[in-house]
Protein backbone atom coordinates (compact mmCIF):
# COMPACT_ATOMS: atom_id res chain seq x y z
CA MET A 1 108.73 88.81 122.47
CA THR A 2 109.93 92.43 122.86
CA ARG A 3 111.34 93.91 126.03
CA HIS A 4 108.29 96.17 126.38
CA THR A 5 105.99 93.16 126.09
CA LEU A 6 107.96 91.27 128.73
CA ARG A 7 107.79 94.26 131.05
CA ALA A 8 104.06 94.61 130.48
CA VAL A 9 103.52 90.93 131.32
CA GLY A 10 105.70 91.26 134.42
CA ALA A 11 103.84 94.38 135.51
CA THR A 12 100.47 92.68 135.09
CA ALA A 13 101.59 89.75 137.23
CA LEU A 14 103.01 92.11 139.81
CA THR A 15 99.75 94.03 139.98
CA CYS A 16 97.79 90.84 140.55
CA VAL A 17 100.13 89.66 143.29
CA LEU A 18 99.93 92.88 145.23
CA GLY A 19 96.22 93.37 144.63
CA LEU A 20 96.45 96.97 143.47
CA ALA A 21 92.71 97.44 143.33
CA GLN A 22 90.88 100.18 141.48
CA SER A 23 88.89 100.88 144.65
CA ALA A 24 91.96 102.59 146.05
CA LEU A 25 91.34 105.57 143.76
CA ALA A 26 92.39 108.76 145.51
CA ALA A 27 92.37 111.60 142.97
CA ALA A 28 91.32 111.86 139.35
CA PRO A 29 89.37 114.32 137.21
CA GLN A 30 85.60 113.88 137.43
CA PRO A 31 82.88 114.59 134.84
CA TRP A 32 81.66 118.20 135.04
CA GLU A 33 84.16 118.95 137.78
CA LEU A 34 84.36 122.68 138.59
CA GLY A 35 86.60 122.68 141.66
CA LEU A 36 90.15 121.59 142.32
CA GLN A 37 91.18 118.02 143.06
CA PRO A 38 91.62 117.28 146.79
CA ALA A 39 95.12 118.07 148.01
CA ALA A 40 97.35 115.06 148.65
CA SER A 41 100.70 116.75 149.31
CA PRO A 42 102.07 119.71 151.30
CA VAL A 43 102.67 121.72 148.10
CA LYS A 44 99.08 121.25 146.96
CA HIS A 45 97.78 122.33 150.37
CA ALA A 46 99.87 125.51 150.10
CA LEU A 47 98.65 126.14 146.55
CA ASP A 48 95.02 125.66 147.60
CA ASP A 49 95.43 128.07 150.52
CA PHE A 50 96.96 130.66 148.18
CA HIS A 51 94.17 130.08 145.66
CA ASN A 52 91.54 130.65 148.37
CA LEU A 53 93.27 133.87 149.48
CA LEU A 54 93.30 135.17 145.90
CA LEU A 55 89.66 134.20 145.46
CA VAL A 56 88.66 136.31 148.47
CA ILE A 57 90.69 139.30 147.25
CA ILE A 58 89.44 139.03 143.66
CA THR A 59 85.82 138.69 144.80
CA ALA A 60 86.11 141.71 147.10
CA ILE A 61 87.65 143.86 144.34
CA THR A 62 85.03 142.76 141.81
CA LEU A 63 82.16 143.57 144.17
CA LEU A 64 83.71 146.94 145.05
CA VAL A 65 84.14 147.92 141.40
CA PHE A 66 80.60 146.77 140.59
CA ALA A 67 79.20 148.78 143.52
CA LEU A 68 81.12 151.89 142.42
CA LEU A 69 79.86 151.54 138.85
CA VAL A 70 76.26 151.27 140.05
CA ALA A 71 76.68 154.20 142.45
CA VAL A 72 78.20 156.42 139.77
CA ALA A 73 75.55 155.46 137.22
CA VAL A 74 72.72 156.22 139.67
CA ARG A 75 74.12 159.35 141.28
CA PHE A 76 75.86 161.06 138.40
CA ASN A 77 73.59 160.39 135.44
CA ALA A 78 72.51 163.23 133.14
CA LYS A 79 68.96 163.33 134.52
CA ARG A 80 70.08 163.96 138.10
CA ASN A 81 72.97 166.20 137.10
CA PRO A 82 71.94 168.40 134.16
CA THR A 83 74.96 170.60 134.86
CA PRO A 84 78.22 168.59 134.66
CA SER A 85 80.68 168.89 137.53
CA SER A 86 83.79 170.96 136.92
CA THR A 87 85.96 168.90 139.32
CA SER A 88 89.14 167.80 137.52
CA HIS A 89 90.92 165.78 140.20
CA ASN A 90 91.09 164.80 143.86
CA THR A 91 94.58 164.38 145.30
CA LEU A 92 93.50 162.31 148.31
CA LEU A 93 91.49 159.95 146.12
CA GLU A 94 94.35 159.53 143.65
CA VAL A 95 96.81 158.75 146.45
CA ALA A 96 94.35 156.23 147.91
CA TRP A 97 93.83 154.32 144.67
CA THR A 98 97.58 154.15 144.20
CA VAL A 99 98.51 153.09 147.74
CA VAL A 100 95.70 150.57 148.28
CA PRO A 101 96.59 148.45 145.19
CA VAL A 102 100.24 148.44 146.30
CA ILE A 103 99.19 147.11 149.71
CA ILE A 104 97.02 144.46 148.04
CA LEU A 105 99.93 143.38 145.83
CA ILE A 106 102.18 143.04 148.90
CA VAL A 107 99.53 140.93 150.64
CA ILE A 108 99.49 138.69 147.55
CA ALA A 109 103.26 138.65 146.99
CA VAL A 110 104.34 137.45 150.45
CA PRO A 111 102.47 134.10 150.42
CA SER A 112 103.19 133.78 146.69
CA PHE A 113 106.95 133.87 147.28
CA ARG A 114 106.55 131.39 150.12
CA VAL A 115 104.71 128.91 147.88
CA LEU A 116 107.19 129.40 145.01
CA TYR A 117 110.09 128.68 147.35
CA MET A 118 108.34 125.58 148.67
CA MET A 119 107.78 124.31 145.13
CA GLU A 120 111.28 124.98 143.81
CA VAL A 121 113.46 123.96 146.76
CA THR A 122 113.41 120.22 147.36
CA PRO A 123 113.69 119.22 151.03
CA GLU A 124 116.02 116.39 151.96
CA ALA A 125 114.77 113.57 149.75
CA GLU A 126 114.25 110.04 151.04
CA MET A 127 114.19 108.56 147.54
CA THR A 128 114.61 109.62 143.91
CA ILE A 129 112.72 108.70 140.76
CA LYS A 130 114.13 109.42 137.31
CA VAL A 131 111.50 110.30 134.71
CA THR A 132 112.10 110.46 130.96
CA GLY A 133 109.34 111.68 128.67
CA ARG A 134 109.11 110.15 125.21
CA GLN A 135 106.63 110.25 122.34
CA TRP A 136 104.26 109.07 123.76
CA TYR A 137 105.03 107.26 126.99
CA TRP A 138 107.10 107.64 130.15
CA ASP A 139 110.24 105.85 131.33
CA TYR A 140 110.72 105.51 135.10
CA GLU A 141 113.83 104.51 137.00
CA TYR A 142 114.44 103.86 140.71
CA PRO A 143 118.17 104.45 141.33
CA ASP A 144 117.84 104.18 145.12
CA GLN A 145 116.14 100.78 144.88
CA GLY A 146 118.73 99.06 142.71
CA GLY A 147 118.31 100.94 139.45
CA PHE A 148 115.47 98.93 137.90
CA ALA A 149 113.50 100.75 135.21
CA TYR A 150 110.33 100.33 133.17
CA SER A 151 108.14 102.11 130.66
CA SER A 152 104.57 103.27 131.22
CA TYR A 153 102.05 103.31 128.37
CA MET A 154 98.40 104.29 128.33
CA ILE A 155 96.00 101.34 128.27
CA GLN A 156 94.01 101.48 125.05
CA GLU A 157 90.26 101.96 125.37
CA ALA A 158 89.55 98.50 123.94
CA ASP A 159 91.68 96.92 126.67
CA LEU A 160 90.16 98.76 129.64
CA LYS A 161 88.62 96.68 132.41
CA PRO A 162 85.40 97.66 134.22
CA GLY A 163 86.06 100.58 136.55
CA GLN A 164 89.24 101.72 134.83
CA LYS A 165 89.41 105.32 133.67
CA ARG A 166 89.54 106.13 129.97
CA LEU A 167 92.69 107.99 128.85
CA LEU A 168 94.14 107.81 132.39
CA GLU A 169 95.00 104.18 133.07
CA VAL A 170 98.52 102.92 132.37
CA ASP A 171 100.06 99.47 132.19
CA ASN A 172 102.81 100.29 134.73
CA ARG A 173 102.13 102.80 137.49
CA VAL A 174 104.67 104.80 139.42
CA VAL A 175 104.72 103.32 142.92
CA VAL A 176 105.82 105.33 145.97
CA PRO A 177 105.51 105.04 149.75
CA VAL A 178 103.31 107.46 151.68
CA ASN A 179 104.77 110.14 153.95
CA THR A 180 108.05 110.03 152.04
CA VAL A 181 109.79 112.95 150.35
CA VAL A 182 110.21 111.82 146.74
CA ARG A 183 112.57 113.74 144.49
CA VAL A 184 111.62 113.56 140.81
CA GLN A 185 114.29 114.30 138.21
CA LEU A 186 112.99 114.82 134.70
CA THR A 187 114.38 114.89 131.19
CA ALA A 188 113.10 113.94 127.73
CA GLY A 189 114.35 111.78 124.91
CA ASP A 190 112.82 113.64 121.98
CA VAL A 191 110.66 116.76 122.47
CA ILE A 192 109.52 118.78 125.48
CA HIS A 193 106.99 117.05 127.72
CA ALA A 194 105.57 118.05 131.12
CA TRP A 195 104.98 115.73 134.08
CA ALA A 196 101.89 117.01 135.87
CA LEU A 197 99.85 115.67 138.80
CA PRO A 198 97.13 118.07 140.02
CA ALA A 199 96.61 116.36 143.40
CA PHE A 200 100.30 116.86 144.21
CA GLY A 201 100.52 120.43 142.91
CA VAL A 202 103.26 119.27 140.53
CA LYS A 203 103.90 120.36 136.94
CA LYS A 204 107.46 120.32 135.64
CA ASP A 205 108.79 120.35 132.08
CA ALA A 206 110.86 117.44 130.81
CA VAL A 207 113.33 118.97 128.34
CA PRO A 208 115.77 117.05 126.10
CA GLY A 209 119.36 117.51 127.25
CA ARG A 210 118.33 119.14 130.52
CA LEU A 211 117.63 117.82 134.01
CA ASN A 212 114.73 119.43 135.88
CA GLU A 213 113.69 118.62 139.41
CA THR A 214 110.54 118.65 141.49
CA TRP A 215 109.26 116.80 144.55
CA PHE A 216 106.18 115.57 146.33
CA LYS A 217 105.16 113.85 149.55
CA VAL A 218 101.97 111.81 149.33
CA GLU A 219 99.88 111.95 152.48
CA LYS A 220 97.49 109.06 151.95
CA GLU A 221 97.37 105.78 150.08
CA GLY A 222 95.62 105.53 146.74
CA VAL A 223 96.00 106.11 143.01
CA TYR A 224 96.59 109.60 141.65
CA TYR A 225 96.26 110.53 138.00
CA GLY A 226 97.90 113.17 135.84
CA GLN A 227 98.81 113.78 132.22
CA CYS A 228 101.51 115.22 130.02
CA SER A 229 100.80 118.96 130.06
CA GLU A 230 103.03 120.18 127.25
CA ILE A 231 101.90 119.72 123.64
CA CYS A 232 104.31 117.11 122.31
CA GLY A 233 102.86 115.82 119.07
CA THR A 234 100.04 113.74 117.64
CA ASN A 235 99.43 111.59 120.73
CA HIS A 236 100.01 114.27 123.35
CA GLY A 237 96.60 113.55 124.85
CA PHE A 238 97.51 109.89 125.32
CA MET A 239 100.37 110.22 127.84
CA PRO A 240 98.69 109.71 131.22
CA ILE A 241 100.49 109.44 134.53
CA ALA A 242 99.34 107.16 137.34
CA VAL A 243 101.02 107.20 140.75
CA GLU A 244 100.11 104.62 143.35
CA ALA A 245 100.93 105.47 146.96
CA MET A 246 101.10 102.65 149.48
CA SER A 247 102.45 101.97 152.95
CA LYS A 248 106.21 101.68 153.35
CA GLU A 249 105.87 97.99 154.15
CA LYS A 250 103.92 97.30 150.96
CA PHE A 251 106.34 99.45 148.99
CA ALA A 252 109.26 97.34 150.20
CA GLU A 253 107.40 94.23 149.02
CA TRP A 254 106.71 95.88 145.65
CA VAL A 255 110.39 96.81 145.24
CA ALA A 256 111.47 93.22 145.88
CA LYS A 257 109.07 91.92 143.24
CA ALA A 258 109.78 94.78 140.82
CA LYS A 259 113.48 93.92 140.80
CA VAL A 260 112.53 90.49 139.52
CA ALA A 261 109.84 91.69 137.11
CA TYR A 262 111.81 94.56 135.57
CA GLY A 263 115.38 93.44 136.16
CA THR A 264 118.32 95.82 136.16
CA PRO A 265 118.84 98.53 133.52
CA ASP A 266 120.52 97.46 130.30
CA GLY A 267 123.95 99.06 130.00
CA SER A 268 124.90 102.24 131.77
CA ARG A 269 122.16 104.75 132.48
CA GLU A 270 123.87 108.11 132.86
CA LEU A 271 120.67 109.74 134.06
CA ALA A 272 120.62 107.56 137.17
CA GLN A 273 124.13 108.70 138.06
CA MET A 274 123.50 112.42 137.66
CA PRO A 275 123.44 114.56 140.83
CA ALA A 276 120.39 116.43 142.00
CA ALA A 277 119.51 119.52 140.00
CA ALA A 278 120.32 121.75 142.98
CA GLU A 279 123.87 120.42 142.99
CA THR A 280 124.47 121.19 139.32
CA ARG A 281 123.73 124.89 139.51
């Protein structure tokens, strides 16, 4: 029996013991969904607020331009103006349509920089998860919880149970406690991948030979789904991500059982010993 098979069996038993039910679903794509997934982290809340601001500005500009086009077409058509105007320019108007867009860009830029800073600068982390993207699965490691590690594969459609989501369910979920700042350090073992979770506002490339960093803080318990978001080969569309957030008490119980189910890493794992990305700059 291979190591992956043993880990899969251990993970299945662990899931049954803890009762990680499908009813705890918190965020996943829905059929015919037009809006954004509900925010489940501070970064996603900030991104949604910025999105809403941009939507208001874009809508206002679109309506203004449409109104001007209609007004010009009605007022200055050939029938109403058989003699064309000889006006070549209007200094005040030209200054206005230069200054106003600059002001709009400043209004957009200030919150944009704030959100970018929030996304890129990790606050003081309470725990770290190491993520390695591979064709076509994910490796996860918990250095702060003893260094145990496991792989996460998509559950094939033929093996799905009632209520499980096609192309999104995995055999081993990422498990984190709620209301905890989780630092995620990413790399890849073959080609470029991207670890993306819409409900967290997270999308970060996993690049071979490079360590990237992102973070999230889940606000409520449940299961959150994402996918690899960088084309990485034939099975790119079959690299889902599933994160289960639970209370800190349940997480401590899961860690105790996970140490038994997954054991300690084989050999030395240099990735687990690497400092945070901010410290390597």
